[in-house]
Structure formats: C-alpha cells, structure tokens
C-alpha cells in the first residue's frame, strides 16, 4: 500500500521509532530516576504519540521540501533506512519549513512542523509534570508520615548512599539531605538521586 508515493509500512516504521526515541529522551533527560511516575500519566503517551505522528508527517513532507531539508549518507537511497533515520532524528526534522508568511517588506515568518509543536508542547509538558509531581507526592507522603523524625530520616538517607556514586554526586546528595527541614524534603531529595527502588527500601511503608 502506497501513501504519498511511499510504502505505508515506512510511515509505520518512522512512527514507531520516533515514538520510542521521544519516550526515551523525555525519561532520560527529565525523569531519569522516577520513570514509573511519569509513565502513569496519559499526557506521557499523548506526547510521545504526537511526536510519532509528526515524524511520519515529516517523512511524507521530505519529497515536497527538498530545498529546505536534505538527508545525505550511506544507505539513504533505501527508503527503509530513510524512514528509520527520520524517526531517530524526529526533533531535527521538525525544523522543516512548510511555507512562509510575509509580514511586511523583507520580513517573513516561517511556518512548519515545529510551529505545530509549539501549540501543544509547553502545555502538555506542564500537565505531565503535574501528574509526575502528584504521583511522587503519593509515594513520599506516607513514608514521611511513618518516618516522623527528621534526624532519623536524614540518618537513614546518609547511611544508604550507593558506593558507586562519584565523590561529586555523593557530596551533592549529602549537602541536599543536610539542608532539608522536613522528612518529606529528605525523602524527595534522596529519591531524586537514587530512584524509587532504593528509596522504597530505605524508607519502607
């Protein structure tokens, strides 16, 4: 089956790769220690699926905007390789300009896929962050209530610092823990460094 002169399966490949790459990038750059919290949010899936769809749209637009975007390299004459690379580089291909709006003499405003992204991304990422915060608080509050004593919470955190941490990370963690004024802050700071599994072990329910 052909779509826009391209095998429909190539669009499916680009969609899948762009979705996975976007998910991995979002988790590793923003929520590296608490992915379980963010993956509970519907906004996480909406966000990565939209990027998957935009990746497929970029693949369809490439033949139409040859002057705006070119892809060169070994194997790129193969449509499957091109589909794969568009998926991997979805954030880059969003800079493709679809058309230009003139706003006056010698002034123009480019409109492209990136323009569409700006319509939803800030709001969606804020909604996602709120869901993440809510899930994180639901994890922290009962543990903080059980711990009760601030000094005991600090002692528990400082006694369970992974040996594999570098001296710089260890020093930063110790400084953050020592600056905390509530048990919730202690558990939150500890969670930021070590993740859910070790935090659950150090501060059990």
N, C-alpha and C. Protein backbone atom coordinates (compact mmCIF):
# COMPACT_ATOMS: atom_id res chain seq x y z
N UNK A 1 0.84 -1.20 0.00
CA UNK A 1 0.00 0.00 0.00
C UNK A 1 0.88 1.25 0.00
N UNK A 2 0.55 2.20 -0.87
CA UNK A 2 1.34 3.41 -1.01
C UNK A 2 0.60 4.61 -0.43
N UNK A 3 1.33 5.46 0.28
CA UNK A 3 0.82 6.74 0.77
C UNK A 3 1.80 7.82 0.39
N UNK A 4 1.34 8.82 -0.36
CA UNK A 4 2.21 9.90 -0.82
C UNK A 4 3.43 9.35 -1.56
N UNK A 5 3.21 8.26 -2.29
CA UNK A 5 4.30 7.68 -3.08
C UNK A 5 5.29 6.88 -2.26
N UNK A 6 4.97 6.63 -1.00
CA UNK A 6 5.87 5.88 -0.11
C UNK A 6 5.12 4.70 0.47
N UNK A 7 5.83 3.60 0.64
CA UNK A 7 5.23 2.41 1.25
C UNK A 7 4.68 2.77 2.63
N UNK A 8 3.42 2.43 2.89
CA UNK A 8 2.78 2.76 4.16
C UNK A 8 3.54 2.17 5.34
N UNK A 9 4.22 1.06 5.12
CA UNK A 9 4.98 0.45 6.21
C UNK A 9 6.16 1.31 6.63
N UNK A 10 6.68 2.12 5.71
CA UNK A 10 7.77 3.03 6.06
C UNK A 10 7.28 4.10 7.04
N UNK A 11 6.03 4.57 6.82
CA UNK A 11 5.46 5.54 7.75
C UNK A 11 5.27 4.90 9.12
N UNK A 12 4.84 3.65 9.13
CA UNK A 12 4.66 2.93 10.40
C UNK A 12 5.98 2.79 11.13
N UNK A 13 7.06 2.52 10.37
CA UNK A 13 8.39 2.40 10.98
C UNK A 13 8.84 3.72 11.57
N UNK A 14 8.67 4.81 10.82
CA UNK A 14 9.05 6.12 11.32
C UNK A 14 8.25 6.49 12.56
N UNK A 15 6.95 6.21 12.53
CA UNK A 15 6.08 6.50 13.67
C UNK A 15 6.56 5.75 14.91
N UNK A 16 6.84 4.46 14.76
CA UNK A 16 7.26 3.64 15.90
C UNK A 16 8.60 4.11 16.45
N UNK A 17 9.57 4.37 15.58
CA UNK A 17 10.90 4.78 16.02
C UNK A 17 10.83 6.16 16.69
N UNK A 18 10.11 7.10 16.06
CA UNK A 18 10.01 8.45 16.63
C UNK A 18 9.33 8.42 18.00
N UNK A 19 8.32 7.57 18.15
CA UNK A 19 7.62 7.45 19.43
C UNK A 19 8.57 6.92 20.51
N UNK A 20 9.30 5.87 20.18
CA UNK A 20 10.22 5.26 21.15
C UNK A 20 11.36 6.21 21.51
N UNK A 21 11.93 6.85 20.51
CA UNK A 21 13.04 7.79 20.75
C UNK A 21 12.58 8.95 21.62
N UNK A 22 11.40 9.48 21.34
CA UNK A 22 10.87 10.59 22.13
C UNK A 22 10.65 10.17 23.58
N UNK A 23 10.12 8.96 23.78
CA UNK A 23 9.89 8.45 25.14
C UNK A 23 11.20 8.31 25.89
N UNK A 24 12.19 7.73 25.25
CA UNK A 24 13.49 7.52 25.90
C UNK A 24 14.14 8.86 26.24
N UNK A 25 14.09 9.79 25.30
CA UNK A 25 14.70 11.11 25.53
C UNK A 25 14.02 11.84 26.69
N UNK A 26 12.70 11.81 26.71
CA UNK A 26 11.96 12.50 27.77
C UNK A 26 12.28 11.92 29.14
N UNK A 27 12.31 10.60 29.22
CA UNK A 27 12.57 9.95 30.51
C UNK A 27 14.00 10.18 30.97
N UNK A 28 14.96 9.98 30.07
CA UNK A 28 16.36 10.07 30.48
C UNK A 28 16.82 11.49 30.77
N UNK A 29 16.19 12.48 30.16
CA UNK A 29 16.63 13.86 30.38
C UNK A 29 15.86 14.56 31.50
N UNK A 30 14.60 14.16 31.72
CA UNK A 30 13.77 14.88 32.69
C UNK A 30 13.39 14.05 33.91
N UNK A 31 13.17 12.76 33.72
CA UNK A 31 12.72 11.91 34.83
C UNK A 31 13.56 10.63 34.92
N UNK A 32 14.87 10.76 34.98
CA UNK A 32 15.72 9.57 34.92
C UNK A 32 15.60 8.62 36.11
N UNK A 33 15.23 9.14 37.29
CA UNK A 33 15.15 8.29 38.47
C UNK A 33 13.71 7.88 38.82
N UNK A 34 12.74 8.51 38.17
CA UNK A 34 11.34 8.21 38.52
C UNK A 34 10.48 7.96 37.29
N UNK A 35 10.91 7.11 36.38
CA UNK A 35 10.10 6.88 35.16
C UNK A 35 8.75 6.25 35.46
N UNK A 36 8.66 5.47 36.55
CA UNK A 36 7.39 4.83 36.88
C UNK A 36 6.30 5.86 37.16
N UNK A 37 6.67 7.00 37.69
CA UNK A 37 5.68 8.04 37.97
C UNK A 37 5.16 8.67 36.68
N UNK A 38 6.06 8.96 35.78
CA UNK A 38 5.66 9.67 34.56
C UNK A 38 4.89 8.77 33.60
N UNK A 39 5.20 7.49 33.59
CA UNK A 39 4.51 6.59 32.67
C UNK A 39 3.09 6.26 33.12
N UNK A 40 2.70 6.74 34.29
CA UNK A 40 1.32 6.59 34.74
C UNK A 40 0.42 7.68 34.16
N UNK A 41 1.03 8.69 33.58
CA UNK A 41 0.27 9.84 33.09
C UNK A 41 -0.18 9.63 31.65
N UNK A 42 -1.42 9.97 31.36
CA UNK A 42 -1.91 9.89 29.98
C UNK A 42 -1.20 10.89 29.08
N UNK A 43 -0.71 11.99 29.69
CA UNK A 43 -0.02 13.01 28.89
C UNK A 43 1.30 12.50 28.35
N UNK A 44 1.91 11.58 29.06
CA UNK A 44 3.15 10.98 28.56
C UNK A 44 2.90 10.27 27.23
N UNK A 45 1.85 9.49 27.18
CA UNK A 45 1.56 8.73 25.97
C UNK A 45 1.05 9.63 24.85
N UNK A 46 0.26 10.65 25.22
CA UNK A 46 -0.19 11.60 24.21
C UNK A 46 1.01 12.33 23.59
N UNK A 47 1.94 12.72 24.43
CA UNK A 47 3.12 13.46 23.97
C UNK A 47 3.97 12.64 23.00
N UNK A 48 4.28 11.41 23.38
CA UNK A 48 5.17 10.62 22.52
C UNK A 48 4.45 10.18 21.24
N UNK A 49 3.14 9.94 21.32
CA UNK A 49 2.40 9.54 20.12
C UNK A 49 2.28 10.70 19.14
N UNK A 50 2.14 11.91 19.65
CA UNK A 50 2.10 13.08 18.77
C UNK A 50 3.43 13.23 18.04
N UNK A 51 4.53 13.03 18.76
CA UNK A 51 5.83 13.11 18.10
C UNK A 51 5.99 11.99 17.08
N UNK A 52 5.43 10.82 17.36
CA UNK A 52 5.46 9.74 16.38
C UNK A 52 4.73 10.14 15.12
N UNK A 53 3.55 10.75 15.28
CA UNK A 53 2.77 11.20 14.13
C UNK A 53 3.49 12.30 13.36
N UNK A 54 4.15 13.22 14.09
CA UNK A 54 4.90 14.28 13.42
C UNK A 54 6.10 13.72 12.65
N UNK A 55 6.71 12.67 13.19
CA UNK A 55 7.79 12.02 12.46
C UNK A 55 7.31 11.44 11.14
N UNK A 56 6.15 10.79 11.17
CA UNK A 56 5.57 10.24 9.94
C UNK A 56 5.21 11.36 8.97
N UNK A 57 4.70 12.48 9.51
CA UNK A 57 4.38 13.62 8.65
C UNK A 57 5.63 14.20 8.01
N UNK A 58 6.72 14.25 8.77
CA UNK A 58 7.98 14.76 8.22
C UNK A 58 8.48 13.87 7.09
N UNK A 59 8.32 12.56 7.23
CA UNK A 59 8.72 11.64 6.17
C UNK A 59 7.92 11.91 4.90
N UNK A 60 6.64 12.19 5.05
CA UNK A 60 5.79 12.47 3.89
C UNK A 60 6.17 13.79 3.23
N UNK A 61 6.63 14.75 4.05
CA UNK A 61 6.94 16.08 3.52
C UNK A 61 8.31 16.18 2.87
N UNK A 62 9.21 15.28 3.20
CA UNK A 62 10.58 15.37 2.68
C UNK A 62 10.64 15.52 1.16
N UNK A 63 9.90 14.71 0.38
CA UNK A 63 9.98 14.88 -1.08
C UNK A 63 9.45 16.22 -1.56
N UNK A 64 8.61 16.88 -0.74
CA UNK A 64 7.98 18.13 -1.15
C UNK A 64 8.80 19.35 -0.77
N UNK A 65 9.75 19.18 0.14
CA UNK A 65 10.53 20.32 0.63
C UNK A 65 12.02 20.04 0.45
N UNK A 66 12.36 19.51 -0.68
CA UNK A 66 13.76 19.15 -0.93
C UNK A 66 14.72 20.30 -0.77
N UNK A 67 14.24 21.53 -1.02
CA UNK A 67 15.11 22.69 -0.87
C UNK A 67 15.33 23.09 0.57
N UNK A 68 14.45 22.64 1.47
CA UNK A 68 14.54 23.01 2.87
C UNK A 68 15.27 21.97 3.71
N UNK A 69 15.20 20.71 3.29
CA UNK A 69 15.82 19.65 4.09
C UNK A 69 16.38 18.58 3.17
N UNK A 70 17.60 18.19 3.43
CA UNK A 70 18.22 17.12 2.67
C UNK A 70 18.86 16.14 3.64
N UNK A 71 18.87 14.89 3.24
CA UNK A 71 19.50 13.85 4.05
C UNK A 71 20.52 13.15 3.18
N UNK A 72 21.76 13.14 3.61
CA UNK A 72 22.83 12.51 2.83
C UNK A 72 23.56 11.52 3.72
N UNK A 73 24.04 10.48 3.12
CA UNK A 73 24.78 9.48 3.87
C UNK A 73 24.66 8.12 3.23
N UNK A 74 25.43 7.19 3.73
CA UNK A 74 25.44 5.84 3.19
C UNK A 74 24.10 5.16 3.44
N UNK A 75 23.51 4.63 2.39
CA UNK A 75 22.28 3.84 2.51
C UNK A 75 21.00 4.65 2.47
N UNK A 76 21.09 5.99 2.32
CA UNK A 76 19.88 6.79 2.38
C UNK A 76 19.03 6.70 1.12
N UNK A 77 19.57 6.06 0.08
CA UNK A 77 18.73 5.83 -1.09
C UNK A 77 17.71 4.73 -0.81
N UNK A 78 17.94 3.99 0.26
CA UNK A 78 16.99 2.96 0.69
C UNK A 78 15.87 3.61 1.50
N UNK A 79 14.62 3.49 1.06
CA UNK A 79 13.52 4.16 1.76
C UNK A 79 13.34 3.69 3.19
N UNK A 80 13.71 2.45 3.50
CA UNK A 80 13.59 1.94 4.86
C UNK A 80 14.63 2.58 5.78
N UNK A 81 15.83 2.78 5.25
CA UNK A 81 16.87 3.45 6.03
C UNK A 81 16.46 4.90 6.29
N UNK A 82 15.91 5.55 5.26
CA UNK A 82 15.47 6.93 5.42
C UNK A 82 14.35 7.03 6.45
N UNK A 83 13.41 6.11 6.39
CA UNK A 83 12.31 6.10 7.36
C UNK A 83 12.83 5.93 8.78
N UNK A 84 13.82 5.05 8.92
CA UNK A 84 14.42 4.80 10.23
C UNK A 84 15.11 6.04 10.76
N UNK A 85 15.89 6.71 9.90
CA UNK A 85 16.65 7.88 10.33
C UNK A 85 15.76 9.08 10.63
N UNK A 86 14.67 9.22 9.88
CA UNK A 86 13.72 10.30 10.18
C UNK A 86 13.13 10.09 11.57
N UNK A 87 12.82 8.84 11.90
CA UNK A 87 12.31 8.53 13.23
C UNK A 87 13.31 8.85 14.32
N UNK A 88 14.57 8.49 14.10
CA UNK A 88 15.62 8.75 15.09
C UNK A 88 15.87 10.25 15.26
N UNK A 89 15.74 11.00 14.18
CA UNK A 89 16.07 12.44 14.23
C UNK A 89 14.81 13.30 14.18
N UNK A 90 13.73 12.81 14.80
CA UNK A 90 12.44 13.49 14.69
C UNK A 90 12.50 14.94 15.15
N UNK A 91 13.24 15.24 16.23
CA UNK A 91 13.31 16.62 16.72
C UNK A 91 14.00 17.53 15.70
N UNK A 92 14.97 17.00 14.97
CA UNK A 92 15.67 17.80 13.97
C UNK A 92 14.80 18.08 12.75
N UNK A 93 14.09 17.06 12.28
CA UNK A 93 13.30 17.25 11.06
C UNK A 93 12.08 18.12 11.30
N UNK A 94 11.76 18.39 12.55
CA UNK A 94 10.63 19.28 12.82
C UNK A 94 10.92 20.72 12.41
N UNK A 95 12.19 21.01 12.13
CA UNK A 95 12.55 22.35 11.68
C UNK A 95 12.21 22.58 10.21
N UNK A 96 11.69 21.54 9.54
CA UNK A 96 11.31 21.68 8.14
C UNK A 96 10.27 22.79 7.99
N UNK A 97 10.51 23.69 7.04
CA UNK A 97 9.57 24.80 6.80
C UNK A 97 8.59 24.38 5.72
N UNK A 98 7.29 24.45 6.05
CA UNK A 98 6.27 24.07 5.08
C UNK A 98 5.93 25.24 4.17
N UNK A 99 5.75 26.43 4.76
CA UNK A 99 5.51 27.62 3.97
C UNK A 99 5.93 28.84 4.78
N UNK A 100 5.92 30.00 4.14
CA UNK A 100 6.35 31.24 4.78
C UNK A 100 5.25 32.29 4.68
N UNK A 101 4.99 32.97 5.79
CA UNK A 101 4.02 34.04 5.81
C UNK A 101 4.76 35.38 5.79
N UNK A 102 4.44 36.22 4.82
CA UNK A 102 5.07 37.53 4.73
C UNK A 102 4.39 38.49 5.69
N UNK A 103 5.19 39.18 6.51
CA UNK A 103 4.64 40.13 7.48
C UNK A 103 5.01 41.57 7.17
N UNK A 104 5.60 41.79 6.01
CA UNK A 104 5.98 43.14 5.62
C UNK A 104 7.16 43.10 4.67
N UNK A 105 7.62 44.24 4.21
CA UNK A 105 8.78 44.28 3.31
C UNK A 105 10.00 43.62 3.94
N UNK A 106 10.55 42.66 3.25
CA UNK A 106 11.75 41.93 3.70
C UNK A 106 11.55 41.23 5.04
N UNK A 107 10.31 40.97 5.40
CA UNK A 107 10.03 40.26 6.65
C UNK A 107 9.14 39.06 6.36
N UNK A 108 9.49 37.94 6.95
CA UNK A 108 8.70 36.73 6.75
C UNK A 108 8.74 35.87 8.00
N UNK A 109 7.72 35.04 8.14
CA UNK A 109 7.60 34.17 9.29
C UNK A 109 7.47 32.73 8.79
N UNK A 110 8.48 31.90 9.04
CA UNK A 110 8.40 30.51 8.57
C UNK A 110 7.41 29.69 9.40
N UNK A 111 6.63 28.88 8.73
CA UNK A 111 5.67 28.01 9.39
C UNK A 111 6.00 26.57 9.02
N UNK A 112 6.16 25.73 10.02
CA UNK A 112 6.50 24.33 9.76
C UNK A 112 5.99 23.43 10.86
N UNK A 113 6.51 22.23 10.88
CA UNK A 113 6.07 21.27 11.90
C UNK A 113 6.40 21.75 13.30
N UNK A 114 7.53 22.47 13.42
CA UNK A 114 7.91 22.97 14.74
C UNK A 114 6.89 23.97 15.28
N UNK A 115 6.26 24.72 14.37
CA UNK A 115 5.22 25.66 14.77
C UNK A 115 4.06 24.92 15.40
N UNK A 116 3.71 23.77 14.83
CA UNK A 116 2.64 22.94 15.39
C UNK A 116 3.01 22.43 16.77
N UNK A 117 4.28 22.07 16.93
CA UNK A 117 4.74 21.56 18.22
C UNK A 117 4.55 22.61 19.32
N UNK A 118 4.85 23.86 19.00
CA UNK A 118 4.76 24.93 20.00
C UNK A 118 3.33 25.18 20.46
N UNK A 119 2.35 24.70 19.69
CA UNK A 119 0.95 24.86 20.07
C UNK A 119 0.57 23.95 21.23
N UNK A 120 1.25 22.81 21.34
CA UNK A 120 0.84 21.85 22.37
C UNK A 120 1.93 21.51 23.39
N UNK A 121 3.20 21.63 23.00
CA UNK A 121 4.26 21.09 23.85
C UNK A 121 4.36 21.75 25.22
N UNK A 122 4.42 23.07 25.34
CA UNK A 122 4.57 23.67 26.68
C UNK A 122 3.44 23.27 27.63
N UNK A 123 2.20 23.33 27.13
CA UNK A 123 1.05 22.98 27.98
C UNK A 123 1.07 21.50 28.34
N UNK A 124 1.39 20.67 27.38
CA UNK A 124 1.37 19.23 27.62
C UNK A 124 2.48 18.82 28.59
N UNK A 125 3.66 19.40 28.46
CA UNK A 125 4.76 19.08 29.37
C UNK A 125 4.45 19.56 30.79
N UNK A 126 3.77 20.69 30.92
CA UNK A 126 3.37 21.17 32.24
C UNK A 126 2.36 20.21 32.87
N UNK A 127 1.40 19.75 32.07
CA UNK A 127 0.40 18.79 32.56
C UNK A 127 1.08 17.49 32.98
N UNK A 128 2.05 17.06 32.19
CA UNK A 128 2.80 15.84 32.51
C UNK A 128 3.58 16.01 33.81
N UNK A 129 4.20 17.16 33.97
CA UNK A 129 4.98 17.41 35.18
C UNK A 129 4.09 17.45 36.42
N UNK A 130 2.89 17.97 36.28
CA UNK A 130 1.95 17.99 37.40
C UNK A 130 1.52 16.58 37.79
N UNK A 131 1.28 15.74 36.78
CA UNK A 131 0.94 14.34 37.06
C UNK A 131 2.10 13.62 37.75
N UNK A 132 3.31 13.91 37.29
CA UNK A 132 4.51 13.30 37.90
C UNK A 132 4.63 13.75 39.35
N UNK A 133 4.42 15.03 39.60
CA UNK A 133 4.51 15.56 40.96
C UNK A 133 3.47 14.92 41.87
N UNK A 134 2.26 14.75 41.35
CA UNK A 134 1.19 14.14 42.13
C UNK A 134 1.54 12.69 42.50
N UNK A 135 2.06 11.92 41.53
CA UNK A 135 2.44 10.54 41.80
C UNK A 135 3.61 10.47 42.77
N UNK A 136 4.54 11.42 42.64
CA UNK A 136 5.69 11.45 43.54
C UNK A 136 5.27 11.77 44.97
N UNK A 137 4.35 12.71 45.11
CA UNK A 137 3.87 13.05 46.45
C UNK A 137 3.11 11.89 47.08
N UNK A 138 2.36 11.16 46.27
CA UNK A 138 1.63 10.00 46.78
C UNK A 138 2.60 8.92 47.27
N UNK A 139 3.78 8.89 46.69
CA UNK A 139 4.82 7.95 47.11
C UNK A 139 5.52 8.43 48.38
N UNK A 140 5.78 9.73 48.46
CA UNK A 140 6.58 10.28 49.56
C UNK A 140 5.79 10.45 50.85
N UNK A 141 4.58 10.98 50.77
CA UNK A 141 3.85 11.37 51.98
C UNK A 141 3.64 10.25 53.00
N UNK A 142 3.19 9.08 52.60
CA UNK A 142 3.01 8.04 53.63
C UNK A 142 4.32 7.58 54.26
N UNK A 143 5.40 7.62 53.50
CA UNK A 143 6.71 7.25 54.04
C UNK A 143 7.21 8.31 55.01
N UNK A 144 6.96 9.56 54.66
CA UNK A 144 7.36 10.65 55.56
C UNK A 144 6.56 10.61 56.85
N UNK A 145 5.26 10.29 56.74
CA UNK A 145 4.41 10.22 57.93
C UNK A 145 4.86 9.09 58.85
N UNK A 146 5.29 7.98 58.27
CA UNK A 146 5.75 6.85 59.08
C UNK A 146 7.10 7.15 59.72
N UNK A 147 7.96 7.86 58.96
CA UNK A 147 9.30 8.17 59.47
C UNK A 147 9.23 9.15 60.64
N UNK A 148 8.49 10.21 60.42
CA UNK A 148 8.25 11.17 61.50
C UNK A 148 9.44 12.03 61.88
N UNK A 149 10.47 11.44 62.41
CA UNK A 149 11.60 12.19 62.96
C UNK A 149 12.57 12.63 61.86
N UNK A 150 12.84 13.94 61.81
CA UNK A 150 13.72 14.48 60.78
C UNK A 150 15.14 13.94 60.89
N UNK A 151 15.67 13.90 62.07
CA UNK A 151 17.04 13.42 62.28
C UNK A 151 17.18 11.96 61.85
N UNK A 152 16.17 11.16 62.17
CA UNK A 152 16.20 9.74 61.80
C UNK A 152 16.13 9.58 60.28
N UNK A 153 15.34 10.42 59.65
CA UNK A 153 15.21 10.37 58.19
C UNK A 153 16.54 10.72 57.53
N UNK A 154 17.19 11.75 58.03
CA UNK A 154 18.49 12.15 57.48
C UNK A 154 19.52 11.04 57.69
N UNK A 155 19.49 10.43 58.86
CA UNK A 155 20.44 9.35 59.16
C UNK A 155 20.23 8.16 58.23
N UNK A 156 18.96 7.82 57.99
CA UNK A 156 18.64 6.71 57.10
C UNK A 156 19.14 6.98 55.68
N UNK A 157 18.93 8.21 55.19
CA UNK A 157 19.35 8.57 53.84
C UNK A 157 20.88 8.57 53.72
N UNK A 158 21.55 9.18 54.67
CA UNK A 158 23.00 9.29 54.62
C UNK A 158 23.70 7.95 54.85
N UNK A 159 23.00 7.01 55.48
CA UNK A 159 23.58 5.69 55.73
C UNK A 159 23.39 4.74 54.54
N UNK A 160 22.62 5.19 53.54
CA UNK A 160 22.32 4.33 52.41
C UNK A 160 22.63 5.02 51.08
N UNK A 161 23.82 5.58 51.00
CA UNK A 161 24.29 6.18 49.75
C UNK A 161 25.04 5.12 48.95
N UNK A 162 24.64 4.84 47.72
CA UNK A 162 25.30 3.81 46.92
C UNK A 162 26.80 4.04 46.81
N UNK A 163 27.57 2.99 46.97
CA UNK A 163 29.04 3.10 46.94
C UNK A 163 29.55 3.48 45.55
N UNK A 164 28.74 3.23 44.53
CA UNK A 164 29.18 3.54 43.17
C UNK A 164 29.08 5.01 42.80
N UNK A 165 28.49 5.83 43.67
CA UNK A 165 28.37 7.25 43.38
C UNK A 165 29.76 7.89 43.37
N UNK A 166 29.96 8.83 42.46
CA UNK A 166 31.21 9.58 42.44
C UNK A 166 31.25 10.49 43.65
N UNK A 167 32.45 10.98 43.96
CA UNK A 167 32.60 11.86 45.13
C UNK A 167 31.78 13.14 44.96
N UNK A 168 31.66 13.62 43.72
CA UNK A 168 30.91 14.85 43.47
C UNK A 168 29.42 14.63 43.70
N UNK A 169 28.90 13.51 43.20
CA UNK A 169 27.48 13.20 43.38
C UNK A 169 27.19 12.94 44.85
N UNK A 170 28.09 12.21 45.51
CA UNK A 170 27.92 11.91 46.94
C UNK A 170 27.88 13.22 47.74
N UNK A 171 28.79 14.13 47.43
CA UNK A 171 28.85 15.40 48.16
C UNK A 171 27.57 16.21 47.93
N UNK A 172 27.08 16.20 46.70
CA UNK A 172 25.85 16.94 46.39
C UNK A 172 24.65 16.35 47.14
N UNK A 173 24.58 15.01 47.17
CA UNK A 173 23.49 14.34 47.89
C UNK A 173 23.54 14.65 49.38
N UNK A 174 24.72 14.57 49.97
CA UNK A 174 24.88 14.86 51.40
C UNK A 174 24.47 16.31 51.70
N UNK A 175 24.89 17.23 50.84
CA UNK A 175 24.54 18.64 51.05
C UNK A 175 23.04 18.85 50.95
N UNK A 176 22.40 18.21 49.97
CA UNK A 176 20.95 18.35 49.80
C UNK A 176 20.20 17.77 51.00
N UNK A 177 20.64 16.61 51.47
CA UNK A 177 19.98 15.99 52.62
C UNK A 177 20.13 16.85 53.86
N UNK A 178 21.33 17.36 54.09
CA UNK A 178 21.58 18.15 55.29
C UNK A 178 20.83 19.48 55.28
N UNK A 179 20.47 19.97 54.09
CA UNK A 179 19.74 21.25 54.01
C UNK A 179 18.23 21.08 54.17
N UNK A 180 17.76 19.84 54.21
CA UNK A 180 16.32 19.59 54.33
C UNK A 180 15.80 19.96 55.72
N UNK A 181 14.57 20.45 55.76
CA UNK A 181 13.98 20.86 57.04
C UNK A 181 12.76 20.01 57.41
N UNK A 182 12.35 19.09 56.53
CA UNK A 182 11.24 18.19 56.84
C UNK A 182 11.59 16.79 56.32
N UNK A 183 10.89 15.80 56.85
CA UNK A 183 11.12 14.43 56.38
C UNK A 183 10.71 14.27 54.92
N UNK A 184 9.68 14.98 54.50
CA UNK A 184 9.26 14.91 53.09
C UNK A 184 10.38 15.41 52.17
N UNK A 185 11.03 16.48 52.59
CA UNK A 185 12.13 17.02 51.80
C UNK A 185 13.29 16.02 51.73
N UNK A 186 13.56 15.34 52.83
CA UNK A 186 14.64 14.35 52.87
C UNK A 186 14.36 13.23 51.87
N UNK A 187 13.16 12.69 51.92
CA UNK A 187 12.82 11.58 51.03
C UNK A 187 12.80 12.04 49.58
N UNK A 188 12.30 13.24 49.34
CA UNK A 188 12.27 13.79 47.97
C UNK A 188 13.68 13.96 47.42
N UNK A 189 14.58 14.50 48.24
CA UNK A 189 15.97 14.70 47.81
C UNK A 189 16.65 13.36 47.56
N UNK A 190 16.43 12.43 48.44
CA UNK A 190 17.02 11.10 48.30
C UNK A 190 16.50 10.40 47.05
N UNK A 191 15.21 10.52 46.82
CA UNK A 191 14.57 9.92 45.64
C UNK A 191 15.16 10.47 44.34
N UNK A 192 15.45 11.75 44.33
CA UNK A 192 15.99 12.39 43.13
C UNK A 192 17.33 11.79 42.72
N UNK A 193 18.08 11.31 43.68
CA UNK A 193 19.41 10.76 43.40
C UNK A 193 19.41 9.24 43.18
N UNK A 194 18.60 8.52 43.94
CA UNK A 194 18.75 7.06 43.93
C UNK A 194 17.60 6.31 43.27
N UNK A 195 16.49 7.00 43.03
CA UNK A 195 15.38 6.33 42.38
C UNK A 195 14.40 5.67 43.33
N UNK A 196 13.37 5.09 42.75
CA UNK A 196 12.24 4.57 43.53
C UNK A 196 12.60 3.32 44.33
N UNK A 197 13.30 2.38 43.73
CA UNK A 197 13.55 1.09 44.38
C UNK A 197 14.34 1.25 45.68
N UNK A 198 15.44 1.99 45.63
CA UNK A 198 16.27 2.14 46.83
C UNK A 198 15.57 3.02 47.86
N UNK A 199 14.83 4.03 47.39
CA UNK A 199 14.09 4.88 48.33
C UNK A 199 13.04 4.07 49.07
N UNK A 200 12.37 3.17 48.34
CA UNK A 200 11.37 2.31 48.96
C UNK A 200 12.00 1.38 50.00
N UNK A 201 13.23 0.95 49.71
CA UNK A 201 13.95 0.07 50.64
C UNK A 201 14.42 0.85 51.87
N UNK A 202 14.88 2.06 51.67
CA UNK A 202 15.41 2.88 52.78
C UNK A 202 14.30 3.44 53.65
N UNK A 203 13.16 3.80 52.98
CA UNK A 203 12.02 4.35 53.71
C UNK A 203 10.77 3.51 53.40
N UNK A 204 10.72 2.30 53.96
CA UNK A 204 9.60 1.41 53.67
C UNK A 204 8.29 1.92 54.25
N UNK A 205 7.21 1.43 53.70
CA UNK A 205 5.87 1.79 54.20
C UNK A 205 5.64 1.14 55.57
